Amino acid sequence: MAKIIKIVTPLTDEVVSNLKAGDMVSITGYIYTGRDAAHKRLFSLLQKGEKLPLEIRNQIIYYVGPAPAKPGYACGSAGPTT
């Protein structure tokens, strides 16, 4: 069985530089999610030199397409999107 690498956010350069494609990881901490509108807004704020509404340095941002939640659940399934 493959070893699971435990990582905690915010990330460090050392942790990130040691990861390889295909590594299995267990993440503790925040993972920010967003799609087109969120990324456009963040990019626009950066271009204007304005402060972002959250600190994204060394954080994980998951470009995700969520499905509606079933009754009684906080969220539906969430898969990566391009």
PDB file of N, CA and C in Angstrom:
ATOM      1  N   MET A   1       0.847  -1.188   0.000  1.00  0.00           N
ATOM      2  CA  MET A   1       0.000   0.000   0.000  1.00  0.00           C
ATOM      3  C   MET A   1       0.886   1.243   0.000  1.00  0.00           C
ATOM      4  N   ALA A   2       0.478   2.236  -0.770  1.00  0.00           N
ATOM      5  CA  ALA A   2       1.261   3.471  -0.864  1.00  0.00           C
ATOM      6  C   ALA A   2       1.210   4.237   0.451  1.00  0.00           C
ATOM      7  N   LYS A   3       2.308   4.883   0.763  1.00  0.00           N
ATOM      8  CA  LYS A   3       2.387   5.706   1.969  1.00  0.00           C
ATOM      9  C   LYS A   3       1.560   6.973   1.760  1.00  0.00           C
ATOM     10  N   ILE A   4       0.816   7.346   2.781  1.00  0.00           N
ATOM     11  CA  ILE A   4       0.038   8.582   2.731  1.00  0.00           C
ATOM     12  C   ILE A   4       0.847   9.682   3.410  1.00  0.00           C
ATOM     13  N   ILE A   5       1.064  10.767   2.687  1.00  0.00           N
ATOM     14  CA  ILE A   5       1.825  11.900   3.204  1.00  0.00           C
ATOM     15  C   ILE A   5       0.850  12.855   3.873  1.00  0.00           C
ATOM     16  N   LYS A   6       1.092  13.148   5.135  1.00  0.00           N
ATOM     17  CA  LYS A   6       0.221  14.067   5.871  1.00  0.00           C
ATOM     18  C   LYS A   6       0.764  15.486   5.732  1.00  0.00           C
ATOM     19  N   ILE A   7      -0.085  16.395   5.259  1.00  0.00           N
ATOM     20  CA  ILE A   7       0.320  17.791   5.122  1.00  0.00           C
ATOM     21  C   ILE A   7      -0.713  18.684   5.806  1.00  0.00           C
ATOM     22  N   VAL A   8      -0.262  19.849   6.218  1.00  0.00           N
ATOM     23  CA  VAL A   8      -1.102  20.809   6.922  1.00  0.00           C
ATOM     24  C   VAL A   8      -1.008  22.149   6.200  1.00  0.00           C
ATOM     25  N   THR A   9      -2.147  22.810   6.034  1.00  0.00           N
ATOM     26  CA  THR A   9      -2.129  24.152   5.460  1.00  0.00           C
ATOM     27  C   THR A   9      -2.011  25.170   6.583  1.00  0.00           C
ATOM     28  N   PRO A  10      -1.380  26.312   6.330  1.00  0.00           N
ATOM     29  CA  PRO A  10      -0.759  26.716   5.074  1.00  0.00           C
ATOM     30  C   PRO A  10       0.476  25.868   4.770  1.00  0.00           C
ATOM     31  N   LEU A  11       0.740  25.694   3.483  1.00  0.00           N
ATOM     32  CA  LEU A  11       1.848  24.861   3.022  1.00  0.00           C
ATOM     33  C   LEU A  11       3.186  25.572   3.181  1.00  0.00           C
ATOM     34  N   THR A  12       4.243  24.779   3.198  1.00  0.00           N
ATOM     35  CA  THR A  12       5.595  25.338   3.191  1.00  0.00           C
ATOM     36  C   THR A  12       6.266  24.957   1.881  1.00  0.00           C
ATOM     37  N   ASP A  13       7.289  25.706   1.480  1.00  0.00           N
ATOM     38  CA  ASP A  13       8.034  25.383   0.264  1.00  0.00           C
ATOM     39  C   ASP A  13       8.624  23.981   0.354  1.00  0.00           C
ATOM     40  N   GLU A  14       9.093  23.598   1.528  1.00  0.00           N
ATOM     41  CA  GLU A  14       9.702  22.277   1.712  1.00  0.00           C
ATOM     42  C   GLU A  14       8.695  21.162   1.438  1.00  0.00           C
ATOM     43  N   VAL A  15       7.502  21.292   1.988  1.00  0.00           N
ATOM     44  CA  VAL A  15       6.473  20.265   1.782  1.00  0.00           C
ATOM     45  C   VAL A  15       6.120  20.161   0.302  1.00  0.00           C
ATOM     46  N   VAL A  16       5.871  21.286  -0.336  1.00  0.00           N
ATOM     47  CA  VAL A  16       5.465  21.297  -1.737  1.00  0.00           C
ATOM     48  C   VAL A  16       6.570  20.746  -2.635  1.00  0.00           C
ATOM     49  N   SER A  17       7.810  21.121  -2.389  1.00  0.00           N
ATOM     50  CA  SER A  17       8.910  20.675  -3.251  1.00  0.00           C
ATOM     51  C   SER A  17       9.170  19.179  -3.132  1.00  0.00           C
ATOM     52  N   ASN A  18       8.720  18.557  -2.050  1.00  0.00           N
ATOM     53  CA  ASN A  18       8.919  17.119  -1.879  1.00  0.00           C
ATOM     54  C   ASN A  18       7.768  16.282  -2.429  1.00  0.00           C
ATOM     55  N   LEU A  19       6.679  16.906  -2.841  1.00  0.00           N
ATOM     56  CA  LEU A  19       5.556  16.164  -3.404  1.00  0.00           C
ATOM     57  C   LEU A  19       5.823  15.814  -4.860  1.00  0.00           C
ATOM     58  N   LYS A  20       5.329  14.631  -5.247  1.00  0.00           N
ATOM     59  CA  LYS A  20       5.460  14.189  -6.631  1.00  0.00           C
ATOM     60  C   LYS A  20       4.078  13.817  -7.164  1.00  0.00           C
ATOM     61  N   ALA A  21       3.889  13.934  -8.466  1.00  0.00           N
ATOM     62  CA  ALA A  21       2.617  13.535  -9.075  1.00  0.00           C
ATOM     63  C   ALA A  21       2.321  12.096  -8.685  1.00  0.00           C
ATOM     64  N   GLY A  22       1.098  11.860  -8.258  1.00  0.00           N
ATOM     65  CA  GLY A  22       0.697  10.517  -7.862  1.00  0.00           C
ATOM     66  C   GLY A  22       0.796  10.243  -6.376  1.00  0.00           C
ATOM     67  N   ASP A  23       1.459  11.139  -5.617  1.00  0.00           N
ATOM     68  CA  ASP A  23       1.544  10.957  -4.161  1.00  0.00           C
ATOM     69  C   ASP A  23       0.140  10.988  -3.568  1.00  0.00           C
ATOM     70  N   MET A  24      -0.072  10.145  -2.574  1.00  0.00           N
ATOM     71  CA  MET A  24      -1.329  10.172  -1.825  1.00  0.00           C
ATOM     72  C   MET A  24      -1.119  11.063  -0.619  1.00  0.00           C
ATOM     73  N   VAL A  25      -2.020  12.031  -0.425  1.00  0.00           N
ATOM     74  CA  VAL A  25      -1.869  12.963   0.687  1.00  0.00           C
ATOM     75  C   VAL A  25      -3.138  13.011   1.527  1.00  0.00           C
ATOM     76  N   SER A  26      -2.952  13.314   2.785  1.00  0.00           N
ATOM     77  CA  SER A  26      -4.041  13.604   3.714  1.00  0.00           C
ATOM     78  C   SER A  26      -3.829  15.046   4.148  1.00  0.00           C
ATOM     79  N   ILE A  27      -4.821  15.892   3.896  1.00  0.00           N
ATOM     80  CA  ILE A  27      -4.674  17.325   4.148  1.00  0.00           C
ATOM     81  C   ILE A  27      -5.480  17.729   5.379  1.00  0.00           C
ATOM     82  N   THR A  28      -4.817  18.420   6.287  1.00  0.00           N
ATOM     83  CA  THR A  28      -5.480  19.006   7.442  1.00  0.00           C
ATOM     84  C   THR A  28      -5.399  20.520   7.288  1.00  0.00           C
ATOM     85  N   GLY A  29      -6.508  21.191   7.469  1.00  0.00           N
ATOM     86  CA  GLY A  29      -6.531  22.639   7.334  1.00  0.00           C
ATOM     87  C   GLY A  29      -7.545  23.055   6.292  1.00  0.00           C
ATOM     88  N   TYR A  30      -7.434  24.294   5.867  1.00  0.00           N
ATOM     89  CA  TYR A  30      -8.390  24.844   4.914  1.00  0.00           C
ATOM     90  C   TYR A  30      -7.989  24.530   3.484  1.00  0.00           C
ATOM     91  N   ILE A  31      -8.986  24.218   2.663  1.00  0.00           N
ATOM     92  CA  ILE A  31      -8.835  24.124   1.216  1.00  0.00           C
ATOM     93  C   ILE A  31      -9.883  25.072   0.648  1.00  0.00           C
ATOM     94  N   TYR A  32      -9.440  26.120  -0.020  1.00  0.00           N
ATOM     95  CA  TYR A  32     -10.367  27.080  -0.607  1.00  0.00           C
ATOM     96  C   TYR A  32     -10.832  26.554  -1.958  1.00  0.00           C
ATOM     97  N   THR A  33     -12.105  26.762  -2.258  1.00  0.00           N
ATOM     98  CA  THR A  33     -12.656  26.312  -3.526  1.00  0.00           C
ATOM     99  C   THR A  33     -13.169  27.505  -4.308  1.00  0.00           C
ATOM    100  N   GLY A  34     -13.167  27.370  -5.616  1.00  0.00           N
ATOM    101  CA  GLY A  34     -13.682  28.437  -6.453  1.00  0.00           C
ATOM    102  C   GLY A  34     -13.768  27.991  -7.896  1.00  0.00           C
ATOM    103  N   ARG A  35     -14.547  28.711  -8.651  1.00  0.00           N
ATOM    104  CA  ARG A  35     -14.664  28.473 -10.082  1.00  0.00           C
ATOM    105  C   ARG A  35     -14.389  29.772 -10.813  1.00  0.00           C
ATOM    106  N   ASP A  36     -14.888  29.868 -12.019  1.00  0.00           N
ATOM    107  CA  ASP A  36     -14.572  30.982 -12.910  1.00  0.00           C
ATOM    108  C   ASP A  36     -14.744  32.355 -12.273  1.00  0.00           C
ATOM    109  N   ALA A  37     -15.902  32.623 -11.706  1.00  0.00           N
ATOM    110  CA  ALA A  37     -16.178  33.958 -11.165  1.00  0.00           C
ATOM    111  C   ALA A  37     -15.229  34.305 -10.024  1.00  0.00           C
ATOM    112  N   ALA A  38     -14.951  33.341  -9.158  1.00  0.00           N
ATOM    113  CA  ALA A  38     -14.052  33.597  -8.024  1.00  0.00           C
ATOM    114  C   ALA A  38     -12.642  33.898  -8.515  1.00  0.00           C
ATOM    115  N   HIS A  39     -12.166  33.121  -9.470  1.00  0.00           N
ATOM    116  CA  HIS A  39     -10.814  33.343  -9.975  1.00  0.00           C
ATOM    117  C   HIS A  39     -10.706  34.666 -10.725  1.00  0.00           C
ATOM    118  N   LYS A  40     -11.731  35.015 -11.485  1.00  0.00           N
ATOM    119  CA  LYS A  40     -11.731  36.306 -12.186  1.00  0.00           C
ATOM    120  C   LYS A  40     -11.694  37.459 -11.186  1.00  0.00           C
ATOM    121  N   ARG A  41     -12.460  37.324 -10.100  1.00  0.00           N
ATOM    122  CA  ARG A  41     -12.495  38.389  -9.087  1.00  0.00           C
ATOM    123  C   ARG A  41     -11.133  38.537  -8.418  1.00  0.00           C
ATOM    124  N   LEU A  42     -10.526  37.426  -8.018  1.00  0.00           N
ATOM    125  CA  LEU A  42      -9.206  37.495  -7.377  1.00  0.00           C
ATOM    126  C   LEU A  42      -8.180  38.113  -8.322  1.00  0.00           C
ATOM    127  N   PHE A  43      -8.202  37.684  -9.590  1.00  0.00           N
ATOM    128  CA  PHE A  43      -7.259  38.205 -10.575  1.00  0.00           C
ATOM    129  C   PHE A  43      -7.463  39.703 -10.770  1.00  0.00           C
ATOM    130  N   SER A  44      -8.721  40.123 -10.858  1.00  0.00           N
ATOM    131  CA  SER A  44      -9.033  41.546 -11.036  1.00  0.00           C
ATOM    132  C   SER A  44      -8.532  42.373  -9.854  1.00  0.00           C
ATOM    133  N   LEU A  45      -8.754  41.880  -8.640  1.00  0.00           N
ATOM    134  CA  LEU A  45      -8.275  42.597  -7.454  1.00  0.00           C
ATOM    135  C   LEU A  45      -6.753  42.725  -7.467  1.00  0.00           C
ATOM    136  N   LEU A  46      -6.063  41.647  -7.839  1.00  0.00           N
ATOM    137  CA  LEU A  46      -4.598  41.686  -7.903  1.00  0.00           C
ATOM    138  C   LEU A  46      -4.123  42.689  -8.947  1.00  0.00           C
ATOM    139  N   GLN A  47      -4.772  42.705 -10.116  1.00  0.00           N
ATOM    140  CA  GLN A  47      -4.393  43.651 -11.166  1.00  0.00           C
ATOM    141  C   GLN A  47      -4.561  45.096 -10.715  1.00  0.00           C
ATOM    142  N   LYS A  48      -5.571  45.360  -9.903  1.00  0.00           N
ATOM    143  CA  LYS A  48      -5.829  46.711  -9.408  1.00  0.00           C
ATOM    144  C   LYS A  48      -4.969  47.057  -8.196  1.00  0.00           C
ATOM    145  N   GLY A  49      -4.195  46.087  -7.709  1.00  0.00           N
ATOM    146  CA  GLY A  49      -3.373  46.325  -6.530  1.00  0.00           C
ATOM    147  C   GLY A  49      -4.171  46.351  -5.240  1.00  0.00           C
ATOM    148  N   GLU A  50      -5.373  45.804  -5.278  1.00  0.00           N
ATOM    149  CA  GLU A  50      -6.228  45.800  -4.092  1.00  0.00           C
ATOM    150  C   GLU A  50      -5.961  44.562  -3.238  1.00  0.00           C
ATOM    151  N   LYS A  51      -6.374  44.650  -1.996  1.00  0.00           N
ATOM    152  CA  LYS A  51      -6.195  43.545  -1.061  1.00  0.00           C
ATOM    153  C   LYS A  51      -7.223  42.449  -1.350  1.00  0.00           C
ATOM    154  N   LEU A  52      -6.781  41.200  -1.289  1.00  0.00           N
ATOM    155  CA  LEU A  52      -7.692  40.078  -1.482  1.00  0.00           C
ATOM    156  C   LEU A  52      -8.538  39.874  -0.226  1.00  0.00           C
ATOM    157  N   PRO A  53      -9.735  39.304  -0.383  1.00  0.00           N
ATOM    158  CA  PRO A  53     -10.598  39.100   0.783  1.00  0.00           C
ATOM    159  C   PRO A  53     -10.123  37.974   1.706  1.00  0.00           C
ATOM    160  N   LEU A  54      -9.119  37.239   1.282  1.00  0.00           N
ATOM    161  CA  LEU A  54      -8.538  36.183   2.104  1.00  0.00           C
ATOM    162  C   LEU A  54      -7.071  36.031   1.737  1.00  0.00           C
ATOM    163  N   GLU A  55      -6.283  35.476   2.637  1.00  0.00           N
ATOM    164  CA  GLU A  55      -4.853  35.253   2.380  1.00  0.00           C
ATOM    165  C   GLU A  55      -4.710  33.936   1.622  1.00  0.00           C
ATOM    166  N   ILE A  56      -4.217  34.008   0.378  1.00  0.00           N
ATOM    167  CA  ILE A  56      -4.076  32.788  -0.414  1.00  0.00           C
ATOM    168  C   ILE A  56      -2.634  32.298  -0.503  1.00  0.00           C
ATOM    169  N   ARG A  57      -1.711  33.082   0.005  1.00  0.00           N
ATOM    170  CA  ARG A  57      -0.309  32.661  -0.050  1.00  0.00           C
ATOM    171  C   ARG A  57      -0.143  31.362   0.739  1.00  0.00           C
ATOM    172  N   ASN A  58       0.470  30.371   0.110  1.00  0.00           N
ATOM    173  CA  ASN A  58       0.747  29.055   0.704  1.00  0.00           C
ATOM    174  C   ASN A  58      -0.506  28.249   1.027  1.00  0.00           C
ATOM    175  N   GLN A  59      -1.619  28.608   0.421  1.00  0.00           N
ATOM    176  CA  GLN A  59      -2.858  27.874   0.641  1.00  0.00           C
ATOM    177  C   GLN A  59      -3.153  26.973  -0.555  1.00  0.00           C
ATOM    178  N   ILE A  60      -4.136  26.109  -0.392  1.00  0.00           N
ATOM    179  CA  ILE A  60      -4.591  25.231  -1.465  1.00  0.00           C
ATOM    180  C   ILE A  60      -5.874  25.824  -2.033  1.00  0.00           C
ATOM    181  N   ILE A  61      -5.908  25.981  -3.360  1.00  0.00           N
ATOM    182  CA  ILE A  61      -7.121  26.431  -4.034  1.00  0.00           C
ATOM    183  C   ILE A  61      -7.543  25.315  -4.984  1.00  0.00           C
ATOM    184  N   TYR A  62      -8.732  24.785  -4.769  1.00  0.00           N
ATOM    185  CA  TYR A  62      -9.274  23.666  -5.535  1.00  0.00           C
ATOM    186  C   TYR A  62     -10.278  24.227  -6.534  1.00  0.00           C
ATOM    187  N   TYR A  63      -9.955  24.123  -7.821  1.00  0.00           N
ATOM    188  CA  TYR A  63     -10.846  24.585  -8.884  1.00  0.00           C
ATOM    189  C   TYR A  63     -11.909  23.512  -9.049  1.00  0.00           C
ATOM    190  N   VAL A  64     -13.094  23.755  -8.513  1.00  0.00           N
ATOM    191  CA  VAL A  64     -14.059  22.684  -8.318  1.00  0.00           C
ATOM    192  C   VAL A  64     -15.428  23.023  -8.892  1.00  0.00           C
ATOM    193  N   GLY A  65     -16.092  21.995  -9.358  1.00  0.00           N
ATOM    194  CA  GLY A  65     -17.463  22.120  -9.828  1.00  0.00           C
ATOM    195  C   GLY A  65     -18.382  21.317  -8.922  1.00  0.00           C
ATOM    196  N   PRO A  66     -19.017  21.979  -7.952  1.00  0.00           N
ATOM    197  CA  PRO A  66     -19.870  21.245  -7.015  1.00  0.00           C
ATOM    198  C   PRO A  66     -21.246  20.922  -7.607  1.00  0.00           C
ATOM    199  N   ALA A  67     -21.809  19.813  -7.144  1.00  0.00           N
ATOM    200  CA  ALA A  67     -23.177  19.445  -7.500  1.00  0.00           C
ATOM    201  C   ALA A  67     -24.090  19.856  -6.343  1.00  0.00           C
ATOM    202  N   PRO A  68     -25.360  20.071  -6.613  1.00  0.00           N
ATOM    203  CA  PRO A  68     -26.278  20.442  -5.526  1.00  0.00           C
ATOM    204  C   PRO A  68     -26.304  19.376  -4.427  1.00  0.00           C
ATOM    205  N   ALA A  69     -26.510  19.831  -3.214  1.00  0.00           N
ATOM    206  CA  ALA A  69     -26.568  18.915  -2.068  1.00  0.00           C
ATOM    207  C   ALA A  69     -27.899  18.170  -2.042  1.00  0.00           C
ATOM    208  N   LYS A  70     -27.841  16.910  -1.623  1.00  0.00           N
ATOM    209  CA  LYS A  70     -29.064  16.149  -1.379  1.00  0.00           C
ATOM    210  C   LYS A  70     -29.652  16.644  -0.061  1.00  0.00           C
ATOM    211  N   PRO A  71     -30.945  16.504   0.116  1.00  0.00           N
ATOM    212  CA  PRO A  71     -31.558  16.937   1.382  1.00  0.00           C
ATOM    213  C   PRO A  71     -30.842  16.325   2.590  1.00  0.00           C
ATOM    214  N   GLY A  72     -30.513  17.176   3.561  1.00  0.00           N
ATOM    215  CA  GLY A  72     -29.847  16.710   4.771  1.00  0.00           C
ATOM    216  C   GLY A  72     -28.332  16.734   4.703  1.00  0.00           C
ATOM    217  N   TYR A  73     -27.764  17.085   3.545  1.00  0.00           N
ATOM    218  CA  TYR A  73     -26.312  17.136   3.390  1.00  0.00           C
ATOM    219  C   TYR A  73     -25.854  18.583   3.202  1.00  0.00           C
ATOM    220  N   ALA A  74     -24.653  18.881   3.671  1.00  0.00           N
ATOM    221  CA  ALA A  74     -24.116  20.241   3.560  1.00  0.00           C
ATOM    222  C   ALA A  74     -23.769  20.602   2.122  1.00  0.00           C
ATOM    223  N   CYS A  75     -23.259  19.631   1.360  1.00  0.00           N
ATOM    224  CA  CYS A  75     -22.915  19.884  -0.039  1.00  0.00           C
ATOM    225  C   CYS A  75     -23.030  18.590  -0.822  1.00  0.00           C
ATOM    226  N   GLY A  76     -23.104  18.743  -2.125  1.00  0.00           N
ATOM    227  CA  GLY A  76     -23.142  17.582  -2.997  1.00  0.00           C
ATOM    228  C   GLY A  76     -21.732  17.150  -3.341  1.00  0.00           C
ATOM    229  N   SER A  77     -21.634  16.256  -4.311  1.00  0.00           N
ATOM    230  CA  SER A  77     -20.304  15.832  -4.739  1.00  0.00           C
ATOM    231  C   SER A  77     -19.585  17.016  -5.374  1.00  0.00           C
ATOM    232  N   ALA A  78     -18.274  17.000  -5.306  1.00  0.00           N
ATOM    233  CA  ALA A  78     -17.473  18.105  -5.837  1.00  0.00           C
ATOM    234  C   ALA A  78     -16.294  17.520  -6.598  1.00  0.00           C
ATOM    235  N   GLY A  79     -16.255  17.779  -7.893  1.00  0.00           N
ATOM    236  CA  GLY A  79     -15.177  17.241  -8.707  1.00  0.00           C
ATOM    237  C   GLY A  79     -14.381  18.344  -9.358  1.00  0.00           C
ATOM    238  N   PRO A  80     -13.128  18.030  -9.710  1.00  0.00           N
ATOM    239  CA  PRO A  80     -12.283  19.030 -10.368  1.00  0.00           C
ATOM    240  C   PRO A  80     -12.844  19.367 -11.745  1.00  0.00           C
ATOM    241  N   THR A  81     -12.615  20.573 -12.172  1.00  0.00           N
ATOM    242  CA  THR A  81     -13.081  21.011 -13.478  1.00  0.00           C
ATOM    243  C   THR A  81     -11.962  21.801 -14.154  1.00  0.00           C
ATOM    244  N   THR A  82     -12.065  21.958 -15.451  1.00  0.00           N
ATOM    245  CA  THR A  82     -11.043  22.706 -16.193  1.00  0.00           C
ATOM    246  C   THR A  82     -11.640  23.937 -16.807  1.00  0.00           C
TER     247      THR A  82
END
